[in-house]
Every structure is written in C-alpha cells, then in structure tokens.
C-alpha cells in the first residue's frame, strides 16, 4: 500500500477543503494570473509543481518572476478561470447555464430555436489548456470528461451535429503528435458517419480540417458511406473506394 493511499479519507477531504479555501480567499498568495479583465491570486507552492509553464515563468529570469503577475491575454477568461480553479479543486465545472450567462468559452450554434453550449467543446478547450500550460493531470481529466460527455449523447440525434462542430476544434487546438482527443473523435465520427454525412455542410469538414480527412480515410473501412447518390434518383449509397482532393487528385483506397 502506498503512503498516499494510507491517508484517511477525512484527512484528504480536509486538505482539499483547505486548498479550495485558499482559492476563494486568496490568503498567502504570492502571485496572480490575469486574463481579459479577470485576476486570480495563486500560490507558487501549489501551482508550480503542477505546471511546467508556471514553474518556468515564476522561477526563472522572466519578467513574471519579478512582477509575480502572469498575464494570459491570448486565452479566454473563463478557460483561464477553470484552469486556475483546477489547481485548488482538482476539477472544473461543465455548468452550461453558467456558460450562457457568462458569455461562454466556446462558439454557440443555434438550431430549432434553442441555443446551447457543448460540454464536448468545454472539455476540448480544457484539454488544450492542459497541453499548452504543461498540466498533465488537467489533460487527463479533460479527456475523461470529454469521453463521458460523448457517452451521454452517443446514438442520439444531437451526436452528429455536435461532432461536426467539435472535430475542427479538436484538430485546431491540439498538436499533430497528440493523439488523445484526435483518436477519440475519429472513432466517434467513423461510427456516426452516416448521420454526419446527412447534415448540411458536412463536406466543409474536409476542406477546413485536412488532417482529419487524412486520418478518417486511413483508419476507417473503405465502405464508409459518404453520401446518397442524387444525380439519378436511384438512392444508391456511394462508397469511399477513392477520395478526391480539392486540387482534383484522386487517390484509390486499396
């Protein structure tokens, strides 16, 4: 039995409550994170061991090590808030109602007169934050939450629509060498492709996300349904026995 596993549950709960209290009140903070008008006090002792980025910024010769202010102007305020809170709670919220009132961290899309924000998208953003700031445990949590969010909609009418929205986000926010979420959406999309290909604009996926196109046609069976034949009205299914690039080049899938 490891030393950590021998610690009583009530003691772990007490430590977590203490950490959450430090986040709420900011006592003993020795630095702060700012973004988009928001500012959150942080404790180097808590943050730096968990993040390669913050360890470098606050303990090196960078200006942040002198000013003790880490400004993240390129990120979204609420994504940064979730990241900072994660350091102290080991979790982050997927509260969609809060996202709508705050203005959200993702793009919204409207259909059937109802506006919603995707849990999948929240977790993709947080996965990217974990990767960008070197927080491995945040990446793992986001990946687990992403899988759980997909499980909740798998096989439902909303699945294909959400996947079509989220696929470009996954590929644009993760490096090519990071297969975590890329492999997940690739698997989900191949299983739901008949529904995705029935959506208006699905072909835009190929143009906008060429890396996804390459992955899709190299990993899924060649009899994947691309679309229904509409030229003659026969209703035959077209099979992915070859793919045509936007430049006109045709590649046989053999």
C-alpha atoms as a PDB file:
ATOM      1  CA  UNK A   1       0.000   0.000   0.000  1.00  0.00           C
ATOM      2  CA  UNK A   2       1.371   3.396  -0.956  1.00  0.00           C
ATOM      3  CA  UNK A   3       1.837   6.168   1.578  1.00  0.00           C
ATOM      4  CA  UNK A   4      -0.827   8.288  -0.158  1.00  0.00           C
ATOM      5  CA  UNK A   5      -3.424   5.510  -0.142  1.00  0.00           C
ATOM      6  CA  UNK A   6      -2.957   5.063   3.612  1.00  0.00           C
ATOM      7  CA  UNK A   7      -4.113   8.602   4.341  1.00  0.00           C
ATOM      8  CA  UNK A   8      -7.659   8.547   5.809  1.00  0.00           C
ATOM      9  CA  UNK A   9     -10.416   9.894   3.576  1.00  0.00           C
ATOM     10  CA  UNK A  10     -11.382  12.555   6.100  1.00  0.00           C
ATOM     11  CA  UNK A  11      -7.823  13.897   6.044  1.00  0.00           C
ATOM     12  CA  UNK A  12      -7.841  14.115   2.239  1.00  0.00           C
ATOM     13  CA  UNK A  13     -11.167  15.931   2.346  1.00  0.00           C
ATOM     14  CA  UNK A  14      -9.746  18.363   4.894  1.00  0.00           C
ATOM     15  CA  UNK A  15      -6.720  19.108   2.697  1.00  0.00           C
ATOM     16  CA  UNK A  16      -8.944  19.632  -0.351  1.00  0.00           C
ATOM     17  CA  UNK A  17     -11.218  21.940   1.616  1.00  0.00           C
ATOM     18  CA  UNK A  18      -8.169  23.908   2.714  1.00  0.00           C
ATOM     19  CA  UNK A  19      -6.991  24.269  -0.877  1.00  0.00           C
ATOM     20  CA  UNK A  20     -10.417  25.396  -2.035  1.00  0.00           C
ATOM     21  CA  UNK A  21     -10.475  27.916   0.789  1.00  0.00           C
ATOM     22  CA  UNK A  22      -7.152  29.353  -0.349  1.00  0.00           C
ATOM     23  CA  UNK A  23      -8.571  29.769  -3.838  1.00  0.00           C
ATOM     24  CA  UNK A  24     -11.669  31.520  -2.532  1.00  0.00           C
ATOM     25  CA  UNK A  25      -9.971  33.981  -0.174  1.00  0.00           C
ATOM     26  CA  UNK A  26      -6.520  34.334  -1.723  1.00  0.00           C
ATOM     27  CA  UNK A  27      -4.727  34.342   1.642  1.00  0.00           C
ATOM     28  CA  UNK A  28      -0.938  33.900   1.471  1.00  0.00           C
ATOM     29  CA  UNK A  29      -0.925  34.210  -2.340  1.00  0.00           C
ATOM     30  CA  UNK A  30       2.436  35.272  -3.765  1.00  0.00           C
ATOM     31  CA  UNK A  31       1.446  35.792  -7.430  1.00  0.00           C
ATOM     32  CA  UNK A  32      -1.586  36.280  -9.624  1.00  0.00           C
ATOM     33  CA  UNK A  33      -2.928  35.285 -13.035  1.00  0.00           C
ATOM     34  CA  UNK A  34      -4.702  37.850 -15.199  1.00  0.00           C
ATOM     35  CA  UNK A  35      -6.762  37.475 -18.370  1.00  0.00           C
ATOM     36  CA  UNK A  36      -9.431  39.554 -20.060  1.00  0.00           C
ATOM     37  CA  UNK A  37     -10.073  41.804 -17.081  1.00  0.00           C
ATOM     38  CA  UNK A  38     -10.078  38.933 -14.586  1.00  0.00           C
ATOM     39  CA  UNK A  39      -7.438  38.418 -11.900  1.00  0.00           C
ATOM     40  CA  UNK A  40      -6.905  35.407  -9.650  1.00  0.00           C
ATOM     41  CA  UNK A  41      -4.377  35.118  -6.816  1.00  0.00           C
ATOM     42  CA  UNK A  42      -2.251  31.978  -6.891  1.00  0.00           C
ATOM     43  CA  UNK A  43       0.294  30.255  -4.665  1.00  0.00           C
ATOM     44  CA  UNK A  44       3.555  29.245  -6.320  1.00  0.00           C
ATOM     45  CA  UNK A  45       3.934  26.293  -3.956  1.00  0.00           C
ATOM     46  CA  UNK A  46       0.614  24.882  -5.230  1.00  0.00           C
ATOM     47  CA  UNK A  47       0.753  25.864  -8.896  1.00  0.00           C
ATOM     48  CA  UNK A  48       4.389  25.460  -9.965  1.00  0.00           C
ATOM     49  CA  UNK A  49       4.787  21.745  -9.152  1.00  0.00           C
ATOM     50  CA  UNK A  50       1.724  21.027 -11.299  1.00  0.00           C
ATOM     51  CA  UNK A  51       2.555  23.125 -14.372  1.00  0.00           C
ATOM     52  CA  UNK A  52       5.773  23.287 -16.378  1.00  0.00           C
ATOM     53  CA  UNK A  53       4.703  26.676 -17.746  1.00  0.00           C
ATOM     54  CA  UNK A  54       4.101  28.325 -14.377  1.00  0.00           C
ATOM     55  CA  UNK A  55       7.219  26.739 -12.930  1.00  0.00           C
ATOM     56  CA  UNK A  56       9.275  28.308 -15.697  1.00  0.00           C
ATOM     57  CA  UNK A  57       7.515  31.668 -15.609  1.00  0.00           C
ATOM     58  CA  UNK A  58       7.661  32.208 -11.855  1.00  0.00           C
ATOM     59  CA  UNK A  59      11.038  30.652 -11.060  1.00  0.00           C
ATOM     60  CA  UNK A  60      13.188  31.816 -13.965  1.00  0.00           C
ATOM     61  CA  UNK A  61      14.543  35.147 -15.129  1.00  0.00           C
ATOM     62  CA  UNK A  62      11.349  36.075 -16.977  1.00  0.00           C
ATOM     63  CA  UNK A  63       9.528  39.266 -16.046  1.00  0.00           C
ATOM     64  CA  UNK A  64       6.817  37.228 -14.331  1.00  0.00           C
ATOM     65  CA  UNK A  65       9.336  36.020 -11.755  1.00  0.00           C
ATOM     66  CA  UNK A  66       9.888  39.646 -10.763  1.00  0.00           C
ATOM     67  CA  UNK A  67       6.401  41.108 -11.165  1.00  0.00           C
ATOM     68  CA  UNK A  68       4.640  37.969  -9.900  1.00  0.00           C
ATOM     69  CA  UNK A  69       1.919  38.629 -12.480  1.00  0.00           C
ATOM     70  CA  UNK A  70       1.248  36.091 -15.209  1.00  0.00           C
ATOM     71  CA  UNK A  71      -0.883  37.677 -17.911  1.00  0.00           C
ATOM     72  CA  UNK A  72      -2.520  35.338 -20.444  1.00  0.00           C
ATOM     73  CA  UNK A  73      -4.073  37.731 -22.971  1.00  0.00           C
ATOM     74  CA  UNK A  74      -4.471  35.174 -25.773  1.00  0.00           C
ATOM     75  CA  UNK A  75      -6.696  32.834 -23.775  1.00  0.00           C
ATOM     76  CA  UNK A  76     -10.335  33.038 -22.861  1.00  0.00           C
ATOM     77  CA  UNK A  77     -11.077  34.435 -19.448  1.00  0.00           C
ATOM     78  CA  UNK A  78     -13.330  31.597 -18.376  1.00  0.00           C
ATOM     79  CA  UNK A  79     -10.961  28.918 -19.596  1.00  0.00           C
ATOM     80  CA  UNK A  80      -8.208  30.512 -17.520  1.00  0.00           C
ATOM     81  CA  UNK A  81     -10.556  30.718 -14.540  1.00  0.00           C
ATOM     82  CA  UNK A  82     -11.302  26.991 -14.850  1.00  0.00           C
ATOM     83  CA  UNK A  83      -7.594  26.186 -15.099  1.00  0.00           C
ATOM     84  CA  UNK A  84      -6.691  28.207 -12.008  1.00  0.00           C
ATOM     85  CA  UNK A  85      -9.567  26.743 -10.042  1.00  0.00           C
ATOM     86  CA  UNK A  86      -8.461  23.255 -11.057  1.00  0.00           C
ATOM     87  CA  UNK A  87      -5.172  23.753  -9.213  1.00  0.00           C
ATOM     88  CA  UNK A  88      -7.149  24.091  -5.994  1.00  0.00           C
ATOM     89  CA  UNK A  89     -10.114  21.751  -6.524  1.00  0.00           C
ATOM     90  CA  UNK A  90      -8.717  19.065  -8.874  1.00  0.00           C
ATOM     91  CA  UNK A  91     -11.814  19.563 -11.021  1.00  0.00           C
ATOM     92  CA  UNK A  92     -13.623  22.099 -13.181  1.00  0.00           C
ATOM     93  CA  UNK A  93     -17.275  22.742 -13.890  1.00  0.00           C
ATOM     94  CA  UNK A  94     -19.240  21.876 -17.015  1.00  0.00           C
ATOM     95  CA  UNK A  95     -22.119  24.102 -15.926  1.00  0.00           C
ATOM     96  CA  UNK A  96     -23.693  25.100 -19.240  1.00  0.00           C
ATOM     97  CA  UNK A  97     -26.128  27.550 -17.685  1.00  0.00           C
ATOM     98  CA  UNK A  98     -23.178  29.426 -16.208  1.00  0.00           C
ATOM     99  CA  UNK A  99     -21.514  29.458 -19.616  1.00  0.00           C
ATOM    100  CA  UNK A 100     -24.521  31.110 -21.220  1.00  0.00           C
ATOM    101  CA  UNK A 101     -24.765  33.813 -18.555  1.00  0.00           C
ATOM    102  CA  UNK A 102     -21.011  34.451 -18.630  1.00  0.00           C
ATOM    103  CA  UNK A 103     -20.857  34.629 -22.392  1.00  0.00           C
ATOM    104  CA  UNK A 104     -19.230  31.234 -22.776  1.00  0.00           C
ATOM    105  CA  UNK A 105     -15.816  29.987 -23.753  1.00  0.00           C
ATOM    106  CA  UNK A 106     -16.928  28.380 -26.986  1.00  0.00           C
ATOM    107  CA  UNK A 107     -18.829  29.212 -30.112  1.00  0.00           C
ATOM    108  CA  UNK A 108     -22.565  28.804 -29.815  1.00  0.00           C
ATOM    109  CA  UNK A 109     -24.755  27.433 -32.526  1.00  0.00           C
ATOM    110  CA  UNK A 110     -28.493  27.816 -32.848  1.00  0.00           C
ATOM    111  CA  UNK A 111     -30.901  25.193 -34.089  1.00  0.00           C
ATOM    112  CA  UNK A 112     -34.614  24.603 -33.526  1.00  0.00           C
ATOM    113  CA  UNK A 113     -34.705  27.984 -31.768  1.00  0.00           C
ATOM    114  CA  UNK A 114     -32.654  26.665 -28.835  1.00  0.00           C
ATOM    115  CA  UNK A 115     -29.167  27.945 -28.070  1.00  0.00           C
ATOM    116  CA  UNK A 116     -26.794  25.639 -26.279  1.00  0.00           C
ATOM    117  CA  UNK A 117     -23.125  25.267 -25.446  1.00  0.00           C
ATOM    118  CA  UNK A 118     -21.500  21.892 -25.889  1.00  0.00           C
ATOM    119  CA  UNK A 119     -19.972  20.002 -22.976  1.00  0.00           C
ATOM    120  CA  UNK A 120     -17.700  18.413 -25.551  1.00  0.00           C
ATOM    121  CA  UNK A 121     -16.378  21.837 -26.501  1.00  0.00           C
ATOM    122  CA  UNK A 122     -15.723  22.853 -22.900  1.00  0.00           C
ATOM    123  CA  UNK A 123     -13.606  19.753 -22.391  1.00  0.00           C
ATOM    124  CA  UNK A 124     -11.708  20.230 -25.658  1.00  0.00           C
ATOM    125  CA  UNK A 125     -10.791  23.750 -24.532  1.00  0.00           C
ATOM    126  CA  UNK A 126      -9.625  22.495 -21.146  1.00  0.00           C
ATOM    127  CA  UNK A 127      -7.625  19.680 -22.755  1.00  0.00           C
ATOM    128  CA  UNK A 128      -5.872  22.291 -24.878  1.00  0.00           C
ATOM    129  CA  UNK A 129      -5.212  24.418 -21.786  1.00  0.00           C
ATOM    130  CA  UNK A 130      -3.632  21.446 -20.044  1.00  0.00           C
ATOM    131  CA  UNK A 131      -1.408  20.834 -23.053  1.00  0.00           C
ATOM    132  CA  UNK A 132      -0.457  24.475 -23.512  1.00  0.00           C
ATOM    133  CA  UNK A 133       0.479  25.031 -19.879  1.00  0.00           C
ATOM    134  CA  UNK A 134       2.028  21.656 -19.180  1.00  0.00           C
ATOM    135  CA  UNK A 135      -0.604  20.364 -16.742  1.00  0.00           C
ATOM    136  CA  UNK A 136      -0.740  16.631 -17.437  1.00  0.00           C
ATOM    137  CA  UNK A 137      -3.392  15.868 -14.830  1.00  0.00           C
ATOM    138  CA  UNK A 138      -5.712  18.520 -16.287  1.00  0.00           C
ATOM    139  CA  UNK A 139      -5.330  16.976 -19.746  1.00  0.00           C
ATOM    140  CA  UNK A 140      -6.236  13.558 -18.377  1.00  0.00           C
ATOM    141  CA  UNK A 141      -9.259  14.908 -16.512  1.00  0.00           C
ATOM    142  CA  UNK A 142     -10.452  16.765 -19.624  1.00  0.00           C
ATOM    143  CA  UNK A 143     -10.049  13.634 -21.737  1.00  0.00           C
ATOM    144  CA  UNK A 144     -12.119  11.609 -19.254  1.00  0.00           C
ATOM    145  CA  UNK A 145     -14.794  14.300 -19.118  1.00  0.00           C
ATOM    146  CA  UNK A 146     -14.815  14.503 -22.921  1.00  0.00           C
ATOM    147  CA  UNK A 147     -15.448  10.759 -23.187  1.00  0.00           C
ATOM    148  CA  UNK A 148     -18.212  10.960 -20.582  1.00  0.00           C
ATOM    149  CA  UNK A 149     -19.817  13.904 -22.400  1.00  0.00           C
ATOM    150  CA  UNK A 150     -19.828  11.953 -25.643  1.00  0.00           C
ATOM    151  CA  UNK A 151     -21.251   8.868 -23.950  1.00  0.00           C
ATOM    152  CA  UNK A 152     -24.191  10.999 -22.804  1.00  0.00           C
ATOM    153  CA  UNK A 153     -25.136  11.862 -26.413  1.00  0.00           C
ATOM    154  CA  UNK A 154     -23.904   8.757 -28.247  1.00  0.00           C
ATOM    155  CA  UNK A 155     -26.582   7.401 -30.567  1.00  0.00           C
ATOM    156  CA  UNK A 156     -28.837  10.439 -30.133  1.00  0.00           C
ATOM    157  CA  UNK A 157     -29.845  12.900 -32.881  1.00  0.00           C
ATOM    158  CA  UNK A 158     -27.585  15.557 -31.393  1.00  0.00           C
ATOM    159  CA  UNK A 159     -24.415  13.446 -31.666  1.00  0.00           C
ATOM    160  CA  UNK A 160     -23.688  14.014 -35.359  1.00  0.00           C
ATOM    161  CA  UNK A 161     -24.326  17.752 -35.133  1.00  0.00           C
ATOM    162  CA  UNK A 162     -22.013  18.166 -32.148  1.00  0.00           C
ATOM    163  CA  UNK A 163     -19.284  16.045 -33.701  1.00  0.00           C
ATOM    164  CA  UNK A 164     -19.319  18.095 -36.885  1.00  0.00           C
ATOM    165  CA  UNK A 165     -18.824  21.235 -34.787  1.00  0.00           C
ATOM    166  CA  UNK A 166     -16.195  19.784 -32.460  1.00  0.00           C
ATOM    167  CA  UNK A 167     -13.920  17.979 -34.939  1.00  0.00           C
ATOM    168  CA  UNK A 168     -12.273  21.169 -36.313  1.00  0.00           C
ATOM    169  CA  UNK A 169     -11.836  22.465 -32.752  1.00  0.00           C
ATOM    170  CA  UNK A 170     -10.038  19.285 -31.693  1.00  0.00           C
ATOM    171  CA  UNK A 171      -7.693  19.341 -34.683  1.00  0.00           C
ATOM    172  CA  UNK A 172      -7.013  23.067 -34.485  1.00  0.00           C
ATOM    173  CA  UNK A 173      -6.269  23.085 -30.750  1.00  0.00           C
ATOM    174  CA  UNK A 174      -4.022  20.021 -30.462  1.00  0.00           C
ATOM    175  CA  UNK A 175      -0.604  19.282 -31.984  1.00  0.00           C
ATOM    176  CA  UNK A 176      -0.348  16.575 -34.621  1.00  0.00           C
ATOM    177  CA  UNK A 177       1.612  14.331 -32.263  1.00  0.00           C
ATOM    178  CA  UNK A 178      -1.086  14.436 -29.576  1.00  0.00           C
ATOM    179  CA  UNK A 179      -3.499  11.632 -30.438  1.00  0.00           C
ATOM    180  CA  UNK A 180      -5.617  11.781 -27.264  1.00  0.00           C
ATOM    181  CA  UNK A 181      -8.764  13.578 -28.416  1.00  0.00           C
ATOM    182  CA  UNK A 182      -7.999  13.151 -32.115  1.00  0.00           C
ATOM    183  CA  UNK A 183      -8.297   9.378 -31.908  1.00  0.00           C
ATOM    184  CA  UNK A 184     -11.486   9.718 -29.858  1.00  0.00           C
ATOM    185  CA  UNK A 185     -13.293  11.984 -32.328  1.00  0.00           C
ATOM    186  CA  UNK A 186     -12.025   9.864 -35.216  1.00  0.00           C
ATOM    187  CA  UNK A 187     -13.612   6.785 -33.670  1.00  0.00           C
ATOM    188  CA  UNK A 188     -16.837   8.611 -32.820  1.00  0.00           C
ATOM    189  CA  UNK A 189     -17.087  10.136 -36.316  1.00  0.00           C
ATOM    190  CA  UNK A 190     -16.475   6.868 -38.159  1.00  0.00           C
ATOM    191  CA  UNK A 191     -19.241   5.198 -36.156  1.00  0.00           C
ATOM    192  CA  UNK A 192     -21.677   8.061 -36.738  1.00  0.00           C
ATOM    193  CA  UNK A 193     -20.633   8.946 -40.287  1.00  0.00           C
ATOM    194  CA  UNK A 194     -23.934   8.063 -41.944  1.00  0.00           C
ATOM    195  CA  UNK A 195     -25.600  10.685 -39.735  1.00  0.00           C
ATOM    196  CA  UNK A 196     -22.819  13.255 -40.100  1.00  0.00           C
ATOM    197  CA  UNK A 197     -22.818  12.975 -43.896  1.00  0.00           C
ATOM    198  CA  UNK A 198     -26.548  13.706 -43.924  1.00  0.00           C
ATOM    199  CA  UNK A 199     -26.003  17.132 -42.340  1.00  0.00           C
ATOM    200  CA  UNK A 200     -25.818  20.275 -44.482  1.00  0.00           C
ATOM    201  CA  UNK A 201     -22.257  21.443 -44.956  1.00  0.00           C
ATOM    202  CA  UNK A 202     -20.586  18.241 -43.821  1.00  0.00           C
ATOM    203  CA  UNK A 203     -18.160  18.441 -46.754  1.00  0.00           C
ATOM    204  CA  UNK A 204     -16.724  21.606 -45.207  1.00  0.00           C
ATOM    205  CA  UNK A 205     -15.042  19.302 -42.695  1.00  0.00           C
ATOM    206  CA  UNK A 206     -12.754  18.020 -45.439  1.00  0.00           C
ATOM    207  CA  UNK A 207     -11.728  21.499 -46.574  1.00  0.00           C
ATOM    208  CA  UNK A 208     -11.364  23.034 -43.122  1.00  0.00           C
ATOM    209  CA  UNK A 209      -9.690  20.049 -41.458  1.00  0.00           C
ATOM    210  CA  UNK A 210      -7.485  18.210 -43.974  1.00  0.00           C
ATOM    211  CA  UNK A 211      -5.672  16.333 -41.185  1.00  0.00           C
ATOM    212  CA  UNK A 212      -8.999  14.847 -40.100  1.00  0.00           C
ATOM    213  CA  UNK A 213      -9.730  13.855 -43.700  1.00  0.00           C
ATOM    214  CA  UNK A 214      -6.419  12.028 -43.920  1.00  0.00           C
ATOM    215  CA  UNK A 215      -6.991  10.283 -40.604  1.00  0.00           C
ATOM    216  CA  UNK A 216     -10.562   9.342 -41.480  1.00  0.00           C
ATOM    217  CA  UNK A 217      -9.793   7.669 -44.777  1.00  0.00           C
ATOM    218  CA  UNK A 218      -6.685   5.910 -43.477  1.00  0.00           C
ATOM    219  CA  UNK A 219      -8.339   4.379 -40.434  1.00  0.00           C
ATOM    220  CA  UNK A 220     -11.962   3.611 -41.271  1.00  0.00           C
ATOM    221  CA  UNK A 221     -13.248   0.823 -43.550  1.00  0.00           C
ATOM    222  CA  UNK A 222     -13.340   1.753 -47.233  1.00  0.00           C
ATOM    223  CA  UNK A 223     -17.074   1.069 -47.460  1.00  0.00           C
ATOM    224  CA  UNK A 224     -17.899   4.066 -45.276  1.00  0.00           C
ATOM    225  CA  UNK A 225     -20.924   5.905 -46.636  1.00  0.00           C
ATOM    226  CA  UNK A 226     -20.021   9.323 -47.977  1.00  0.00           C
ATOM    227  CA  UNK A 227     -23.425  10.443 -49.190  1.00  0.00           C
ATOM    228  CA  UNK A 228     -26.508   9.323 -51.070  1.00  0.00           C
ATOM    229  CA  UNK A 229     -26.463   9.330 -54.858  1.00  0.00           C
ATOM    230  CA  UNK A 230     -28.672  12.186 -56.012  1.00  0.00           C
ATOM    231  CA  UNK A 231     -27.754  12.502 -59.678  1.00  0.00           C
ATOM    232  CA  UNK A 232     -30.121   9.829 -60.951  1.00  0.00           C
ATOM    233  CA  UNK A 233     -32.526   9.391 -58.063  1.00  0.00           C
ATOM    234  CA  UNK A 234     -31.611   5.752 -57.513  1.00  0.00           C
ATOM    235  CA  UNK A 235     -30.776   6.281 -53.872  1.00  0.00           C
ATOM    236  CA  UNK A 236     -27.653   4.110 -54.094  1.00  0.00           C
ATOM    237  CA  UNK A 237     -25.024   4.684 -51.472  1.00  0.00           C
ATOM    238  CA  UNK A 238     -21.657   5.997 -52.607  1.00  0.00           C
ATOM    239  CA  UNK A 239     -18.756   4.131 -51.070  1.00  0.00           C
ATOM    240  CA  UNK A 240     -15.383   5.556 -50.124  1.00  0.00           C
ATOM    241  CA  UNK A 241     -13.360   3.481 -52.560  1.00  0.00           C
ATOM    242  CA  UNK A 242     -11.454   6.592 -53.558  1.00  0.00           C
ATOM    243  CA  UNK A 243     -11.121  10.160 -52.374  1.00  0.00           C
ATOM    244  CA  UNK A 244     -10.694  13.298 -54.422  1.00  0.00           C
ATOM    245  CA  UNK A 245      -8.597  16.148 -53.069  1.00  0.00           C
ATOM    246  CA  UNK A 246      -9.752  19.728 -53.585  1.00  0.00           C
ATOM    247  CA  UNK A 247      -6.899  20.057 -56.083  1.00  0.00           C
ATOM    248  CA  UNK A 248      -8.500  17.347 -58.236  1.00  0.00           C
ATOM    249  CA  UNK A 249      -6.115  14.486 -57.456  1.00  0.00           C
ATOM    250  CA  UNK A 250      -7.854  11.137 -56.982  1.00  0.00           C
ATOM    251  CA  UNK A 251      -6.444   8.549 -54.582  1.00  0.00           C
ATOM    252  CA  UNK A 252      -7.644   4.955 -54.629  1.00  0.00           C
ATOM    253  CA  UNK A 253      -8.321   3.398 -51.218  1.00  0.00           C
ATOM    254  CA  UNK A 254      -6.966  -0.118 -51.616  1.00  0.00           C
END
